[in-house]
């Protein structure tokens, strides 16, 4: 295995890693989210959509951003500080010493303390948090739509001037995903080829 030292990575390397990370994060999270609705999202997306998707979701939903930031901070604090304090508390307990090999675990925790580069671990934690959140959003929305009548929240004006009120599920650069009231199957409509306007239905 080739080990890459942190100080050998330049700005261009970090940019490339971040670029790939966002693409993978966007593809996996969106594929799971739309897969819950029975949509093979990979057939409707592009690299640019995958890259922008996580950023767009976080910038347009401040509640989600705050939740993820809080969870990320808690996980960071646990793995960087609280985990070691918790182990220090447990290792002096007789019942803990009978179950675990203290010398072996002391070496493991000492090695973790000396590890300076926490970026890969933190990126993995954020990946799990983001994907879990998108999965929960998809399941929650699907259950809500199954239990309640689908209420339109957007009006689509097509190029032939026909109008359709729909329930939006999502959108990328090329497609608009929605439910038509009375139907149980999601519809994906190409934006540039079919739609002239997309209007938000104001709540009364």
C-alpha atoms as a PDB file:
ATOM      1  CA  UNK A   1       0.000   0.000   0.000  1.00  0.00           C
ATOM      2  CA  UNK A   2       1.319   3.441  -0.900  1.00  0.00           C
ATOM      3  CA  UNK A   3       1.167   5.896   1.961  1.00  0.00           C
ATOM      4  CA  UNK A   4       0.743   9.560   1.026  1.00  0.00           C
ATOM      5  CA  UNK A   5       2.108  12.008   3.566  1.00  0.00           C
ATOM      6  CA  UNK A   6      -0.088  14.988   4.371  1.00  0.00           C
ATOM      7  CA  UNK A   7       2.699  17.510   3.702  1.00  0.00           C
ATOM      8  CA  UNK A   8       3.182  16.113   0.175  1.00  0.00           C
ATOM      9  CA  UNK A   9      -0.337  17.100  -0.861  1.00  0.00           C
ATOM     10  CA  UNK A  10      -0.563  20.446  -2.604  1.00  0.00           C
ATOM     11  CA  UNK A  11      -3.495  22.791  -3.133  1.00  0.00           C
ATOM     12  CA  UNK A  12      -4.307  21.158  -6.474  1.00  0.00           C
ATOM     13  CA  UNK A  13      -4.402  17.719  -4.797  1.00  0.00           C
ATOM     14  CA  UNK A  14      -6.842  18.921  -2.130  1.00  0.00           C
ATOM     15  CA  UNK A  15      -8.992  20.522  -4.811  1.00  0.00           C
ATOM     16  CA  UNK A  16      -9.077  17.285  -6.815  1.00  0.00           C
ATOM     17  CA  UNK A  17      -9.893  15.187  -3.714  1.00  0.00           C
ATOM     18  CA  UNK A  18     -12.674  17.611  -2.753  1.00  0.00           C
ATOM     19  CA  UNK A  19     -14.012  17.528  -6.306  1.00  0.00           C
ATOM     20  CA  UNK A  20     -14.207  13.717  -6.327  1.00  0.00           C
ATOM     21  CA  UNK A  21     -15.641  13.684  -2.805  1.00  0.00           C
ATOM     22  CA  UNK A  22     -18.532  15.989  -3.717  1.00  0.00           C
ATOM     23  CA  UNK A  23     -19.303  14.015  -6.876  1.00  0.00           C
ATOM     24  CA  UNK A  24     -19.407  10.691  -5.024  1.00  0.00           C
ATOM     25  CA  UNK A  25     -21.432  12.242  -2.193  1.00  0.00           C
ATOM     26  CA  UNK A  26     -23.930  13.724  -4.645  1.00  0.00           C
ATOM     27  CA  UNK A  27     -24.312  10.556  -6.716  1.00  0.00           C
ATOM     28  CA  UNK A  28     -24.747   8.204  -3.748  1.00  0.00           C
ATOM     29  CA  UNK A  29     -27.102  10.449  -1.740  1.00  0.00           C
ATOM     30  CA  UNK A  30     -29.298  11.354  -4.730  1.00  0.00           C
ATOM     31  CA  UNK A  31     -29.376   7.766  -6.030  1.00  0.00           C
ATOM     32  CA  UNK A  32     -30.649   6.580  -2.629  1.00  0.00           C
ATOM     33  CA  UNK A  33     -33.126   9.461  -2.265  1.00  0.00           C
ATOM     34  CA  UNK A  34     -34.731   9.034  -5.691  1.00  0.00           C
ATOM     35  CA  UNK A  35     -34.415   5.249  -5.493  1.00  0.00           C
ATOM     36  CA  UNK A  36     -36.913   5.323  -2.627  1.00  0.00           C
ATOM     37  CA  UNK A  37     -39.441   6.721  -5.134  1.00  0.00           C
ATOM     38  CA  UNK A  38     -38.561   4.070  -7.711  1.00  0.00           C
ATOM     39  CA  UNK A  39     -36.439   6.347  -9.919  1.00  0.00           C
ATOM     40  CA  UNK A  40     -33.127   5.186 -11.418  1.00  0.00           C
ATOM     41  CA  UNK A  41     -31.538   8.585 -10.854  1.00  0.00           C
ATOM     42  CA  UNK A  42     -28.251   7.754 -12.604  1.00  0.00           C
ATOM     43  CA  UNK A  43     -30.163   7.819 -15.892  1.00  0.00           C
ATOM     44  CA  UNK A  44     -31.161  11.456 -15.307  1.00  0.00           C
ATOM     45  CA  UNK A  45     -28.063  13.061 -13.806  1.00  0.00           C
ATOM     46  CA  UNK A  46     -24.734  14.509 -14.913  1.00  0.00           C
ATOM     47  CA  UNK A  47     -21.373  15.024 -13.213  1.00  0.00           C
ATOM     48  CA  UNK A  48     -22.209  18.704 -12.721  1.00  0.00           C
ATOM     49  CA  UNK A  49     -25.547  17.843 -11.064  1.00  0.00           C
ATOM     50  CA  UNK A  50     -23.798  15.434  -8.688  1.00  0.00           C
ATOM     51  CA  UNK A  51     -21.162  18.063  -7.854  1.00  0.00           C
ATOM     52  CA  UNK A  52     -23.666  20.833  -7.125  1.00  0.00           C
ATOM     53  CA  UNK A  53     -26.338  18.709  -5.397  1.00  0.00           C
ATOM     54  CA  UNK A  54     -24.835  18.607  -1.836  1.00  0.00           C
ATOM     55  CA  UNK A  55     -23.879  22.287  -1.961  1.00  0.00           C
ATOM     56  CA  UNK A  56     -27.320  23.308  -3.235  1.00  0.00           C
ATOM     57  CA  UNK A  57     -29.123  21.281  -0.576  1.00  0.00           C
ATOM     58  CA  UNK A  58     -27.079  22.795   2.258  1.00  0.00           C
ATOM     59  CA  UNK A  59     -27.272  26.414   1.030  1.00  0.00           C
ATOM     60  CA  UNK A  60     -31.040  26.236   0.421  1.00  0.00           C
ATOM     61  CA  UNK A  61     -31.929  24.540   3.724  1.00  0.00           C
ATOM     62  CA  UNK A  62     -30.442  26.314   6.741  1.00  0.00           C
ATOM     63  CA  UNK A  63     -32.087  23.879   9.194  1.00  0.00           C
ATOM     64  CA  UNK A  64     -30.362  20.939   7.526  1.00  0.00           C
ATOM     65  CA  UNK A  65     -27.057  22.834   7.485  1.00  0.00           C
ATOM     66  CA  UNK A  66     -27.290  23.587  11.206  1.00  0.00           C
ATOM     67  CA  UNK A  67     -28.233  19.974  12.011  1.00  0.00           C
ATOM     68  CA  UNK A  68     -25.341  18.526   9.991  1.00  0.00           C
ATOM     69  CA  UNK A  69     -22.875  21.057  11.416  1.00  0.00           C
ATOM     70  CA  UNK A  70     -23.973  20.202  14.968  1.00  0.00           C
ATOM     71  CA  UNK A  71     -23.780  16.444  14.381  1.00  0.00           C
ATOM     72  CA  UNK A  72     -20.409  16.833  12.666  1.00  0.00           C
ATOM     73  CA  UNK A  73     -19.063  18.853  15.608  1.00  0.00           C
ATOM     74  CA  UNK A  74     -20.327  16.304  18.136  1.00  0.00           C
ATOM     75  CA  UNK A  75     -18.741  13.424  16.211  1.00  0.00           C
ATOM     76  CA  UNK A  76     -15.491  15.378  15.867  1.00  0.00           C
ATOM     77  CA  UNK A  77     -15.404  16.107  19.601  1.00  0.00           C
ATOM     78  CA  UNK A  78     -16.108  12.479  20.418  1.00  0.00           C
ATOM     79  CA  UNK A  79     -13.356  11.025  18.252  1.00  0.00           C
ATOM     80  CA  UNK A  80     -10.810  13.726  19.107  1.00  0.00           C
ATOM     81  CA  UNK A  81     -11.419  14.189  22.872  1.00  0.00           C
ATOM     82  CA  UNK A  82     -14.426  12.530  24.500  1.00  0.00           C
ATOM     83  CA  UNK A  83     -13.564   9.013  23.319  1.00  0.00           C
ATOM     84  CA  UNK A  84     -10.207   9.122  25.136  1.00  0.00           C
ATOM     85  CA  UNK A  85     -11.749  10.503  28.311  1.00  0.00           C
ATOM     86  CA  UNK A  86     -14.431   7.827  28.227  1.00  0.00           C
ATOM     87  CA  UNK A  87     -11.809   5.111  27.813  1.00  0.00           C
ATOM     88  CA  UNK A  88      -9.693   6.561  30.650  1.00  0.00           C
ATOM     89  CA  UNK A  89     -12.776   6.358  32.864  1.00  0.00           C
ATOM     90  CA  UNK A  90     -13.559   2.760  31.900  1.00  0.00           C
ATOM     91  CA  UNK A  91     -10.039   1.280  31.944  1.00  0.00           C
ATOM     92  CA  UNK A  92      -9.730   1.579  35.743  1.00  0.00           C
ATOM     93  CA  UNK A  93     -12.963  -0.360  36.308  1.00  0.00           C
ATOM     94  CA  UNK A  94     -12.372  -3.963  37.408  1.00  0.00           C
ATOM     95  CA  UNK A  95     -15.252  -5.344  35.360  1.00  0.00           C
ATOM     96  CA  UNK A  96     -13.831  -3.656  32.247  1.00  0.00           C
ATOM     97  CA  UNK A  97     -10.366  -5.069  32.893  1.00  0.00           C
ATOM     98  CA  UNK A  98     -11.800  -8.582  33.107  1.00  0.00           C
ATOM     99  CA  UNK A  99     -13.494  -8.264  29.726  1.00  0.00           C
ATOM    100  CA  UNK A 100     -10.804  -6.469  27.708  1.00  0.00           C
ATOM    101  CA  UNK A 101      -7.024  -6.673  27.388  1.00  0.00           C
ATOM    102  CA  UNK A 102      -6.053  -3.268  28.814  1.00  0.00           C
ATOM    103  CA  UNK A 103      -2.467  -3.308  27.501  1.00  0.00           C
ATOM    104  CA  UNK A 104      -3.678  -4.025  23.987  1.00  0.00           C
ATOM    105  CA  UNK A 105      -6.295  -1.255  24.056  1.00  0.00           C
ATOM    106  CA  UNK A 106      -3.863   1.202  25.660  1.00  0.00           C
ATOM    107  CA  UNK A 107      -1.596   0.806  22.623  1.00  0.00           C
ATOM    108  CA  UNK A 108      -4.498   1.306  20.213  1.00  0.00           C
ATOM    109  CA  UNK A 109      -5.734   4.477  21.934  1.00  0.00           C
ATOM    110  CA  UNK A 110      -2.176   5.806  22.207  1.00  0.00           C
ATOM    111  CA  UNK A 111      -1.746   5.326  18.451  1.00  0.00           C
ATOM    112  CA  UNK A 112      -5.039   7.151  17.836  1.00  0.00           C
ATOM    113  CA  UNK A 113      -3.853  10.085  19.958  1.00  0.00           C
ATOM    114  CA  UNK A 114      -0.686  10.442  17.903  1.00  0.00           C
ATOM    115  CA  UNK A 115      -2.572  10.442  14.616  1.00  0.00           C
ATOM    116  CA  UNK A 116      -2.556  14.048  13.401  1.00  0.00           C
ATOM    117  CA  UNK A 117      -4.466  13.801  10.141  1.00  0.00           C
ATOM    118  CA  UNK A 118      -8.165  13.499  11.019  1.00  0.00           C
ATOM    119  CA  UNK A 119      -9.455  14.797   7.672  1.00  0.00           C
ATOM    120  CA  UNK A 120     -10.164  11.367   6.076  1.00  0.00           C
ATOM    121  CA  UNK A 121     -12.073  10.223   9.138  1.00  0.00           C
ATOM    122  CA  UNK A 122     -14.069  13.431   9.348  1.00  0.00           C
ATOM    123  CA  UNK A 123     -14.900  13.256   5.637  1.00  0.00           C
ATOM    124  CA  UNK A 124     -16.157   9.702   6.126  1.00  0.00           C
ATOM    125  CA  UNK A 125     -18.285  10.770   9.108  1.00  0.00           C
ATOM    126  CA  UNK A 126     -19.814  13.644   7.118  1.00  0.00           C
ATOM    127  CA  UNK A 127     -20.478  11.252   4.230  1.00  0.00           C
ATOM    128  CA  UNK A 128     -22.409   8.910   6.523  1.00  0.00           C
ATOM    129  CA  UNK A 129     -24.335  11.803   8.096  1.00  0.00           C
ATOM    130  CA  UNK A 130     -25.292  13.308   4.744  1.00  0.00           C
ATOM    131  CA  UNK A 131     -26.342  10.006   3.153  1.00  0.00           C
ATOM    132  CA  UNK A 132     -28.316   9.030   6.265  1.00  0.00           C
ATOM    133  CA  UNK A 133     -30.067  12.400   6.242  1.00  0.00           C
ATOM    134  CA  UNK A 134     -31.016  12.091   2.551  1.00  0.00           C
ATOM    135  CA  UNK A 135     -32.286   8.558   3.158  1.00  0.00           C
ATOM    136  CA  UNK A 136     -34.403   9.780   6.057  1.00  0.00           C
ATOM    137  CA  UNK A 137     -35.756  12.646   3.949  1.00  0.00           C
ATOM    138  CA  UNK A 138     -36.771  10.248   1.188  1.00  0.00           C
ATOM    139  CA  UNK A 139     -38.430   7.737   3.523  1.00  0.00           C
ATOM    140  CA  UNK A 140     -40.225  10.489   5.445  1.00  0.00           C
ATOM    141  CA  UNK A 141     -41.533  12.142   2.285  1.00  0.00           C
ATOM    142  CA  UNK A 142     -42.628   8.810   0.805  1.00  0.00           C
ATOM    143  CA  UNK A 143     -44.544   7.870   3.970  1.00  0.00           C
ATOM    144  CA  UNK A 144     -46.182  11.289   4.121  1.00  0.00           C
ATOM    145  CA  UNK A 145     -47.317  11.104   0.512  1.00  0.00           C
ATOM    146  CA  UNK A 146     -48.609   7.546   1.023  1.00  0.00           C
ATOM    147  CA  UNK A 147     -50.676   8.505   4.086  1.00  0.00           C
ATOM    148  CA  UNK A 148     -51.994  11.850   2.905  1.00  0.00           C
ATOM    149  CA  UNK A 149     -53.501  13.225  -0.264  1.00  0.00           C
ATOM    150  CA  UNK A 150     -50.839  14.649  -2.554  1.00  0.00           C
ATOM    151  CA  UNK A 151     -51.145  18.428  -2.461  1.00  0.00           C
ATOM    152  CA  UNK A 152     -49.554  20.421  -5.308  1.00  0.00           C
ATOM    153  CA  UNK A 153     -46.870  22.957  -4.422  1.00  0.00           C
ATOM    154  CA  UNK A 154     -45.704  23.910  -7.938  1.00  0.00           C
ATOM    155  CA  UNK A 155     -47.383  24.892 -11.206  1.00  0.00           C
ATOM    156  CA  UNK A 156     -45.744  23.796 -14.434  1.00  0.00           C
ATOM    157  CA  UNK A 157     -46.414  25.844 -17.580  1.00  0.00           C
ATOM    158  CA  UNK A 158     -45.529  23.785 -20.646  1.00  0.00           C
ATOM    159  CA  UNK A 159     -44.427  25.205 -23.992  1.00  0.00           C
ATOM    160  CA  UNK A 160     -47.869  24.555 -25.472  1.00  0.00           C
ATOM    161  CA  UNK A 161     -49.243  26.800 -22.643  1.00  0.00           C
ATOM    162  CA  UNK A 162     -50.923  23.923 -20.797  1.00  0.00           C
ATOM    163  CA  UNK A 163     -50.744  24.141 -17.016  1.00  0.00           C
ATOM    164  CA  UNK A 164     -50.273  21.342 -14.488  1.00  0.00           C
ATOM    165  CA  UNK A 165     -50.238  21.602 -10.687  1.00  0.00           C
ATOM    166  CA  UNK A 166     -47.844  19.035  -9.190  1.00  0.00           C
ATOM    167  CA  UNK A 167     -46.038  18.009  -6.026  1.00  0.00           C
ATOM    168  CA  UNK A 168     -42.326  18.607  -6.490  1.00  0.00           C
ATOM    169  CA  UNK A 169     -39.913  15.907  -5.334  1.00  0.00           C
ATOM    170  CA  UNK A 170     -36.693  17.298  -6.724  1.00  0.00           C
ATOM    171  CA  UNK A 171     -34.930  18.967  -9.607  1.00  0.00           C
ATOM    172  CA  UNK A 172     -31.577  19.054 -11.349  1.00  0.00           C
ATOM    173  CA  UNK A 173     -30.247  20.960 -14.355  1.00  0.00           C
ATOM    174  CA  UNK A 174     -32.141  18.839 -16.883  1.00  0.00           C
ATOM    175  CA  UNK A 175     -35.158  17.242 -15.168  1.00  0.00           C
ATOM    176  CA  UNK A 176     -38.032  18.196 -12.862  1.00  0.00           C
ATOM    177  CA  UNK A 177     -39.289  15.303 -10.683  1.00  0.00           C
ATOM    178  CA  UNK A 178     -42.861  15.396  -9.392  1.00  0.00           C
ATOM    179  CA  UNK A 179     -46.060  13.581  -8.479  1.00  0.00           C
ATOM    180  CA  UNK A 180     -49.320  14.365 -10.242  1.00  0.00           C
ATOM    181  CA  UNK A 181     -52.218  14.405  -7.721  1.00  0.00           C
ATOM    182  CA  UNK A 182     -54.096  11.122  -7.970  1.00  0.00           C
ATOM    183  CA  UNK A 183     -51.085   9.197  -9.299  1.00  0.00           C
ATOM    184  CA  UNK A 184     -48.649   7.042  -7.312  1.00  0.00           C
ATOM    185  CA  UNK A 185     -45.820   7.049  -9.857  1.00  0.00           C
ATOM    186  CA  UNK A 186     -43.209   9.794  -9.993  1.00  0.00           C
ATOM    187  CA  UNK A 187     -42.799  11.708 -13.282  1.00  0.00           C
ATOM    188  CA  UNK A 188     -39.555  13.149 -14.663  1.00  0.00           C
ATOM    189  CA  UNK A 189     -39.983  15.932 -17.228  1.00  0.00           C
ATOM    190  CA  UNK A 190     -37.090  17.424 -19.251  1.00  0.00           C
ATOM    191  CA  UNK A 191     -36.988  21.127 -18.394  1.00  0.00           C
ATOM    192  CA  UNK A 192     -35.502  22.662 -21.538  1.00  0.00           C
ATOM    193  CA  UNK A 193     -37.576  20.611 -23.991  1.00  0.00           C
ATOM    194  CA  UNK A 194     -40.978  20.871 -22.319  1.00  0.00           C
ATOM    195  CA  UNK A 195     -41.300  23.580 -19.692  1.00  0.00           C
ATOM    196  CA  UNK A 196     -41.717  27.294 -20.187  1.00  0.00           C
ATOM    197  CA  UNK A 197     -42.270  28.279 -16.543  1.00  0.00           C
ATOM    198  CA  UNK A 198     -42.052  26.725 -13.075  1.00  0.00           C
ATOM    199  CA  UNK A 199     -44.090  28.605 -10.463  1.00  0.00           C
ATOM    200  CA  UNK A 200     -44.368  28.098  -6.728  1.00  0.00           C
ATOM    201  CA  UNK A 201     -47.970  27.781  -5.530  1.00  0.00           C
ATOM    202  CA  UNK A 202     -48.422  30.281  -2.721  1.00  0.00           C
ATOM    203  CA  UNK A 203     -49.862  28.820   0.481  1.00  0.00           C
ATOM    204  CA  UNK A 204     -53.199  30.276   1.484  1.00  0.00           C
END
